[in-house]
Amino acid sequence: MKNHLILSTCGTSILTNTPDSEVRTLVIRNANAKRGALAPDDLARLEAHIAARRTELLACTNPADAKWLSAELNGILSYYDNQLRGRERDRHVLIVSDTFLGEAVGEIIRAWLGAQGLSVQVQKFAGLVTDDYSSFRNAMIQLIRWCEETLPGYRSADYRVVFNLTGGFKSAQGFMQTVGMFYADESVYIFETGSLLRIPRLPIRLDIDGLMAQYGDKLRLLSHGQTLSTQEVTGIPETLLFEVDGEVTLSEWGELVWQQSKRALYGRDLLAPLPGLRFGDGFRKSVERQRLTSDQLAVLNERLDQLSFVSQGKGSNLRGLDFKALKGDPKPPSTHECDIWSGDERRLFGHYADDVFVIDNIARGLH
């Protein structure tokens, strides 16, 4: 039996499926609230309701009973045809809103699935709320990055990736349906009749070679959080951009396009350095001597892009980069080094000249 990774969007159905209309209204009214924003009386009533629903669900030993309490479990258990035996090696990820109730729902569902012997992770993204579009789109960007960093590894390990979109808020469901076309083997819903609707992954390919060739440098800057003026991004499709007061960043769709294309862009050739960085006279030959694979070249280009920001004090010094000054003067004219590939002794060496960081070469580390 093939192992599965099932990613489920989570809403508040387990809390709103109640005959108590006052509690249901209370849940709906506070669906986007943080714990600290709740009135004390509302918090007390919600905590009591959450505890009661958790107890009720954990008392369900029959999957056929549990599925009616939660839309998320309805999708999962319908996919399994109510049979959990033999599914212990599957993995579940619950995508929850960045709210008090969202986290509570995730923990309730995690507790029940865990009690059945299943492996469960609750994944929260900052800003994943439905009453603030700017926060929501930023959360979606983080979600796309998480998908790109996480899901290909499961597929390479021969897991079948399934998006369970039965639960969750409509705004997140609609977004995830599109994301699933690129990252999931299939997406599933519960149809109006109660039957499971399965949508297989379609053979979609983004034709973006021309876009990358013409605007790759701009997209590289935007992908690292740089804002550009509307004049600087003329020609880039508007759907890929998010503009506020004349300043432009990548939209959630732009992030999706970037994540789908960056590996090919980075792995093709050594890219021209971004502002703040310059290649020394011998650097290109130093790269040629390494005889890099496409994957190694892709990592090198990404590290160089990160270095263009970090060396100018504009970005965080990522653990994978570890940009730092050399002690003493062991490798003139180089004054700094940084990591490139994980588990590899080779480093990038360089120095500052006229407020620009010059990359001298690639060589074995000094320690």
Protein backbone atom coordinates (compact mmCIF):
# COMPACT_ATOMS: atom_id res chain seq x y z
CA MET A 1 0.00 0.00 0.00
CA LYS A 2 1.43 3.37 -1.05
CA ASN A 3 2.14 5.85 1.73
CA HIS A 4 0.18 9.10 1.71
CA LEU A 5 0.77 12.65 2.86
CA ILE A 6 -2.65 14.21 3.38
CA LEU A 7 -2.76 17.98 3.79
CA SER A 8 -6.09 19.20 5.19
CA THR A 9 -7.29 22.80 5.35
CA CYS A 10 -9.12 23.36 8.64
CA GLY A 11 -12.07 25.58 9.46
CA THR A 12 -14.36 25.67 12.49
CA SER A 13 -16.97 23.06 11.56
CA ILE A 14 -16.33 20.96 14.66
CA LEU A 15 -17.24 24.03 16.75
CA THR A 16 -20.19 25.26 14.67
CA ASN A 17 -21.84 21.82 14.33
CA THR A 18 -23.91 22.42 17.45
CA PRO A 19 -27.63 22.93 18.10
CA ASP A 20 -26.78 25.86 20.41
CA SER A 21 -27.33 28.85 18.12
CA GLU A 22 -25.80 31.30 20.61
CA VAL A 23 -22.54 29.35 20.76
CA ARG A 24 -22.54 28.97 16.99
CA THR A 25 -22.92 32.74 16.59
CA LEU A 26 -20.16 33.30 19.14
CA VAL A 27 -17.80 31.03 17.18
CA ILE A 28 -18.56 32.71 13.87
CA ARG A 29 -18.17 36.20 15.35
CA ASN A 30 -14.74 35.35 16.77
CA ALA A 31 -13.44 33.18 13.93
CA ASN A 32 -10.58 35.60 13.16
CA ALA A 33 -9.77 36.67 16.72
CA LYS A 34 -6.55 36.10 18.62
CA ARG A 35 -6.82 34.86 22.19
CA GLY A 36 -5.75 38.22 23.60
CA ALA A 37 -8.49 40.03 21.68
CA LEU A 38 -11.34 37.99 23.17
CA ALA A 39 -13.56 39.41 25.88
CA PRO A 40 -13.17 37.42 29.13
CA ASP A 41 -16.76 36.13 29.05
CA ASP A 42 -16.45 35.10 25.39
CA LEU A 43 -13.13 33.36 26.08
CA ALA A 44 -14.61 31.39 28.98
CA ARG A 45 -17.61 30.24 26.92
CA LEU A 46 -15.43 29.31 23.95
CA GLU A 47 -12.95 27.37 26.09
CA ALA A 48 -15.80 25.40 27.66
CA HIS A 49 -17.25 24.67 24.22
CA ILE A 50 -13.86 23.61 22.84
CA ALA A 51 -13.31 21.26 25.77
CA ALA A 52 -16.76 19.72 25.32
CA ARG A 53 -16.26 19.16 21.59
CA ARG A 54 -12.84 17.66 22.18
CA THR A 55 -14.28 15.23 24.74
CA GLU A 56 -17.11 14.31 22.40
CA LEU A 57 -14.79 13.64 19.48
CA LEU A 58 -12.23 11.65 21.49
CA ALA A 59 -15.07 9.45 22.72
CA CYS A 60 -15.76 8.40 19.12
CA THR A 61 -14.03 5.09 18.53
CA ASN A 62 -15.90 4.44 15.30
CA PRO A 63 -14.61 6.48 12.33
CA ALA A 64 -18.11 6.54 10.85
CA ASP A 65 -19.26 8.50 13.91
CA ALA A 66 -16.25 10.83 14.09
CA LYS A 67 -16.54 11.97 10.48
CA TRP A 68 -19.90 13.66 11.11
CA LEU A 69 -18.45 15.92 13.79
CA SER A 70 -15.73 17.46 11.60
CA ALA A 71 -15.62 18.37 7.92
CA GLU A 72 -11.86 17.77 7.92
CA LEU A 73 -12.25 14.26 9.33
CA ASN A 74 -15.13 13.64 6.94
CA GLY A 75 -12.75 14.21 4.04
CA ILE A 76 -9.92 12.15 5.53
CA LEU A 77 -12.08 9.23 6.60
CA SER A 78 -14.05 9.21 3.35
CA TYR A 79 -10.75 9.04 1.48
CA TYR A 80 -9.81 6.06 3.64
CA ASP A 81 -13.30 4.54 3.22
CA ASN A 82 -13.54 4.61 7.05
CA GLN A 83 -10.69 2.08 7.33
CA LEU A 84 -7.65 3.28 9.29
CA ARG A 85 -5.92 -0.07 9.65
CA GLY A 86 -2.60 -0.11 7.78
CA ARG A 87 -2.41 3.71 7.54
CA GLU A 88 0.09 4.18 10.36
CA ARG A 89 2.87 5.19 7.97
CA ASP A 90 0.79 7.95 6.40
CA ARG A 91 1.48 11.55 7.39
CA HIS A 92 -1.10 14.26 8.03
CA VAL A 93 -0.62 18.02 7.97
CA LEU A 94 -3.42 20.23 9.30
CA ILE A 95 -3.35 23.78 7.91
CA VAL A 96 -4.98 26.02 10.51
CA SER A 97 -5.77 29.74 10.68
CA ASP A 98 -3.60 32.03 12.77
CA THR A 99 -6.35 32.50 15.37
CA PHE A 100 -7.40 31.22 18.79
CA LEU A 101 -10.15 29.02 17.33
CA GLY A 102 -8.02 27.86 14.40
CA GLU A 103 -5.33 26.53 16.71
CA ALA A 104 -7.94 24.94 18.96
CA VAL A 105 -9.56 23.11 16.05
CA GLY A 106 -6.17 21.88 14.83
CA GLU A 107 -5.34 20.46 18.27
CA ILE A 108 -8.72 18.71 18.56
CA ILE A 109 -8.35 17.00 15.18
CA ARG A 110 -4.68 16.22 15.86
CA ALA A 111 -5.62 14.58 19.15
CA TRP A 112 -8.22 12.32 17.53
CA LEU A 113 -6.00 11.28 14.61
CA GLY A 114 -3.10 10.72 17.00
CA ALA A 115 -5.30 8.50 19.16
CA GLN A 116 -5.86 6.34 16.07
CA GLY A 117 -2.09 5.87 15.72
CA LEU A 118 -1.61 8.34 12.86
CA SER A 119 1.25 10.84 12.54
CA VAL A 120 -0.07 14.41 12.58
CA GLN A 121 1.49 17.88 12.29
CA VAL A 122 -0.41 21.13 12.88
CA GLN A 123 0.92 23.82 10.54
CA LYS A 124 0.10 27.46 11.21
CA PHE A 125 1.09 30.42 9.05
CA ALA A 126 1.26 33.90 10.55
CA GLY A 127 -1.51 36.11 9.19
CA LEU A 128 -3.73 33.29 7.93
CA VAL A 129 -7.00 35.07 8.67
CA THR A 130 -9.95 35.90 6.43
CA ASP A 131 -10.71 39.48 7.51
CA ASP A 132 -7.46 41.11 6.32
CA TYR A 133 -6.49 40.57 2.69
CA SER A 134 -2.93 41.82 3.08
CA SER A 135 -2.28 39.43 5.97
CA PHE A 136 -4.01 36.60 4.13
CA ARG A 137 -1.95 36.98 0.96
CA ASN A 138 1.29 37.12 2.96
CA ALA A 139 0.26 33.89 4.69
CA MET A 140 -0.42 32.31 1.30
CA ILE A 141 3.06 33.29 0.14
CA GLN A 142 4.54 31.56 3.18
CA LEU A 143 2.36 28.54 2.50
CA ILE A 144 3.62 28.30 -1.09
CA ARG A 145 7.22 28.46 0.14
CA TRP A 146 6.45 25.72 2.66
CA CYS A 147 4.92 23.58 -0.10
CA GLU A 148 8.00 24.05 -2.29
CA GLU A 149 10.39 23.20 0.55
CA THR A 150 8.40 20.25 1.94
CA LEU A 151 6.21 18.44 -0.56
CA PRO A 152 8.76 17.51 -3.27
CA GLY A 153 10.69 15.58 -0.61
CA TYR A 154 7.65 13.47 0.18
CA ARG A 155 7.02 12.78 -3.49
CA SER A 156 10.65 11.74 -4.00
CA ALA A 157 10.16 9.37 -1.04
CA ASP A 158 7.26 7.82 -3.00
CA TYR A 159 4.44 9.37 -0.96
CA ARG A 160 1.19 10.23 -2.68
CA VAL A 161 0.38 13.86 -1.84
CA VAL A 162 -3.32 14.56 -1.29
CA PHE A 163 -4.96 17.94 -0.59
CA ASN A 164 -8.10 17.42 1.49
CA LEU A 165 -10.11 20.62 0.94
CA THR A 166 -13.36 19.50 2.55
CA GLY A 167 -12.84 21.76 5.57
CA GLY A 168 -11.40 25.24 5.88
CA PHE A 169 -12.54 28.70 4.90
CA LYS A 170 -13.66 29.27 1.31
CA SER A 171 -10.90 31.79 0.60
CA ALA A 172 -8.22 29.28 1.61
CA GLN A 173 -9.95 26.41 -0.20
CA GLY A 174 -10.04 28.32 -3.47
CA PHE A 175 -6.39 29.24 -3.23
CA MET A 176 -5.33 25.73 -2.26
CA GLN A 177 -7.24 24.24 -5.17
CA THR A 178 -4.92 26.10 -7.55
CA VAL A 179 -1.80 25.34 -5.50
CA GLY A 180 -2.81 21.68 -5.51
CA MET A 181 -2.56 21.61 -9.29
CA PHE A 182 1.20 22.07 -8.87
CA TYR A 183 2.00 20.26 -5.64
CA ALA A 184 -0.65 17.56 -5.02
CA ASP A 185 -1.25 14.27 -6.81
CA GLU A 186 -4.96 14.83 -6.24
CA SER A 187 -7.36 17.08 -4.36
CA VAL A 188 -10.49 15.77 -2.64
CA TYR A 189 -13.79 17.27 -1.48
CA ILE A 190 -17.05 15.98 -0.10
CA PHE A 191 -19.69 16.46 -2.78
CA GLU A 192 -23.16 17.77 -1.92
CA THR A 193 -24.52 14.22 -1.94
CA GLY A 194 -21.96 13.19 0.68
CA SER A 195 -19.78 11.25 -1.75
CA LEU A 196 -16.07 11.90 -2.22
CA LEU A 197 -15.07 14.02 -5.20
CA ARG A 198 -11.51 13.32 -6.35
CA ILE A 199 -9.72 15.68 -8.73
CA PRO A 200 -6.44 14.29 -10.11
CA ARG A 201 -3.42 16.42 -10.78
CA LEU A 202 -3.58 17.89 -14.26
CA PRO A 203 -0.49 18.03 -16.51
CA ILE A 204 -0.06 21.79 -16.08
CA ARG A 205 3.16 23.47 -17.17
CA LEU A 206 3.75 27.20 -16.80
CA ASP A 207 5.23 28.61 -20.00
CA ILE A 208 7.42 31.23 -18.36
CA ASP A 209 10.77 30.88 -20.11
CA GLY A 210 10.28 34.18 -21.94
CA LEU A 211 9.19 35.91 -18.75
CA MET A 212 12.30 34.67 -16.90
CA ALA A 213 14.60 35.64 -19.74
CA GLN A 214 13.28 39.21 -19.85
CA TYR A 215 12.42 39.91 -16.20
CA GLY A 216 14.41 37.31 -14.25
CA ASP A 217 16.58 39.91 -12.48
CA LYS A 218 13.53 41.87 -11.31
CA LEU A 219 11.80 38.72 -10.10
CA ARG A 220 14.96 37.68 -8.23
CA LEU A 221 14.90 40.97 -6.35
CA LEU A 222 11.18 40.71 -5.60
CA SER A 223 11.50 37.11 -4.43
CA HIS A 224 13.86 38.26 -1.66
CA GLY A 225 11.40 40.84 -0.38
CA GLN A 226 12.79 43.81 -2.28
CA THR A 227 10.17 46.39 -3.24
CA LEU A 228 10.35 48.01 -6.67
CA SER A 229 8.51 50.94 -8.19
CA THR A 230 5.71 50.39 -10.67
CA GLN A 231 7.94 51.87 -13.37
CA GLU A 232 10.66 49.28 -12.68
CA VAL A 233 8.30 46.33 -13.23
CA THR A 234 6.67 47.53 -16.43
CA GLY A 235 5.90 44.51 -18.62
CA ILE A 236 5.57 41.94 -15.80
CA PRO A 237 1.99 40.57 -15.72
CA GLU A 238 -0.08 42.39 -13.10
CA THR A 239 -1.35 39.13 -11.59
CA LEU A 240 2.19 38.38 -10.40
CA LEU A 241 2.50 41.66 -8.53
CA PHE A 242 0.98 43.36 -5.50
CA GLU A 243 1.11 47.16 -5.51
CA VAL A 244 0.62 49.56 -2.61
CA ASP A 245 1.23 53.30 -3.02
CA GLY A 246 3.44 52.84 -6.05
CA GLU A 247 5.62 50.14 -4.42
CA VAL A 248 5.44 46.59 -5.79
CA THR A 249 6.09 43.17 -4.27
CA LEU A 250 5.31 39.67 -5.52
CA SER A 251 1.70 38.61 -5.20
CA GLU A 252 0.81 35.14 -3.97
CA TRP A 253 0.49 34.08 -7.61
CA GLY A 254 3.83 35.66 -8.39
CA GLU A 255 5.34 33.61 -5.57
CA LEU A 256 3.80 30.45 -7.05
CA VAL A 257 5.26 31.24 -10.48
CA TRP A 258 8.65 32.04 -8.94
CA GLN A 259 8.80 28.82 -6.91
CA GLN A 260 7.90 26.81 -10.01
CA SER A 261 10.55 28.47 -12.16
CA LYS A 262 13.48 29.42 -9.96
CA ARG A 263 15.16 26.00 -10.05
CA ALA A 264 15.39 26.07 -13.85
CA LEU A 265 16.55 29.70 -13.87
CA TYR A 266 19.18 29.17 -11.16
CA GLY A 267 20.39 25.85 -12.53
CA ARG A 268 21.04 26.92 -16.12
CA ASP A 269 23.96 29.37 -15.95
CA LEU A 270 25.91 31.49 -13.48
CA LEU A 271 23.64 34.53 -13.23
CA ALA A 272 24.81 38.12 -13.26
CA PRO A 273 25.13 39.43 -9.70
CA LEU A 274 22.38 41.52 -8.17
CA PRO A 275 23.11 45.10 -6.97
CA GLY A 276 25.54 45.22 -4.09
CA LEU A 277 27.60 42.33 -5.44
CA ARG A 278 30.34 42.10 -8.07
CA PHE A 279 32.31 39.17 -9.43
CA GLY A 280 36.08 39.47 -9.16
CA ASP A 281 38.25 38.92 -12.23
CA GLY A 282 38.89 35.24 -11.52
CA PHE A 283 35.52 34.23 -10.09
CA ARG A 284 33.88 32.84 -13.23
CA LYS A 285 36.91 30.66 -13.95
CA SER A 286 36.84 29.53 -10.33
CA VAL A 287 33.24 28.40 -10.84
CA GLU A 288 34.09 26.63 -14.12
CA ARG A 289 36.79 24.61 -12.35
CA GLN A 290 34.20 23.21 -9.93
CA ARG A 291 32.36 21.33 -12.73
CA LEU A 292 29.06 21.88 -10.96
CA THR A 293 25.89 19.92 -11.55
CA SER A 294 22.70 21.81 -12.35
CA ASP A 295 21.49 21.36 -8.76
CA GLN A 296 24.80 22.65 -7.33
CA LEU A 297 24.73 25.64 -9.67
CA ALA A 298 21.16 26.41 -8.60
CA VAL A 299 22.21 26.49 -4.94
CA LEU A 300 25.24 28.65 -5.78
CA ASN A 301 23.09 31.22 -7.61
CA GLU A 302 20.61 31.30 -4.74
CA ARG A 303 23.42 31.80 -2.20
CA LEU A 304 24.84 34.64 -4.31
CA ASP A 305 21.44 36.33 -4.41
CA GLN A 306 21.14 35.99 -0.63
CA LEU A 307 24.66 37.32 -0.22
CA SER A 308 23.84 40.44 -2.26
CA PHE A 309 21.40 41.44 0.50
CA VAL A 310 23.24 40.11 3.57
CA SER A 311 26.57 41.71 2.62
CA GLN A 312 24.79 45.08 2.47
CA GLY A 313 23.03 44.55 5.78
CA LYS A 314 19.61 44.25 4.10
CA GLY A 315 18.78 40.64 4.89
CA SER A 316 19.04 38.08 7.67
CA ASN A 317 22.23 36.00 7.78
CA LEU A 318 20.65 32.63 7.05
CA ARG A 319 22.10 29.53 8.64
CA GLY A 320 22.75 28.08 5.18
CA LEU A 321 24.82 31.17 4.28
CA ASP A 322 26.72 31.92 7.52
CA PHE A 323 28.38 35.06 6.15
CA LYS A 324 31.24 36.11 8.43
CA ALA A 325 34.57 37.91 8.59
CA LEU A 326 37.82 35.95 8.44
CA LYS A 327 40.08 36.04 11.49
CA GLY A 328 43.40 37.67 10.77
CA ASP A 329 44.40 37.96 7.12
CA PRO A 330 44.69 34.32 5.92
CA LYS A 331 43.47 34.76 2.33
CA PRO A 332 44.05 38.26 0.92
CA PRO A 333 42.36 40.14 -0.63
CA SER A 334 39.41 38.18 0.82
CA THR A 335 38.16 39.41 4.18
CA HIS A 336 34.91 37.37 4.44
CA GLU A 337 33.57 33.92 3.67
CA CYS A 338 30.20 32.17 3.51
CA ASP A 339 28.85 28.67 3.04
CA ILE A 340 27.41 27.36 -0.21
CA TRP A 341 26.36 23.71 -0.13
CA SER A 342 25.34 21.82 2.97
CA GLY A 343 27.97 19.31 4.06
CA ASP A 344 30.53 20.67 1.59
CA GLU A 345 33.87 22.21 2.62
CA ARG A 346 33.94 24.69 -0.26
CA ARG A 347 33.23 28.34 0.56
CA LEU A 348 32.73 31.64 -1.19
CA PHE A 349 35.45 34.19 -0.39
CA GLY A 350 35.27 37.92 -1.02
CA HIS A 351 35.97 41.47 0.14
CA TYR A 352 34.41 44.93 0.19
CA ALA A 353 35.44 47.57 -2.36
CA ASP A 354 33.63 50.92 -2.74
CA ASP A 355 30.52 49.74 -0.85
CA VAL A 356 30.21 46.66 -3.08
CA PHE A 357 31.04 43.13 -2.01
CA VAL A 358 33.41 41.49 -4.51
CA ILE A 359 33.33 37.70 -4.84
CA ASP A 360 36.90 36.51 -5.29
CA ASN A 361 36.61 32.76 -5.68
CA ILE A 362 35.35 29.39 -4.50
CA ALA A 363 37.83 27.42 -2.44
CA ARG A 364 38.07 24.93 0.39
CA GLY A 365 37.29 26.44 3.78
CA LEU A 366 40.06 27.49 6.13
CA HIS A 367 38.82 25.48 9.12
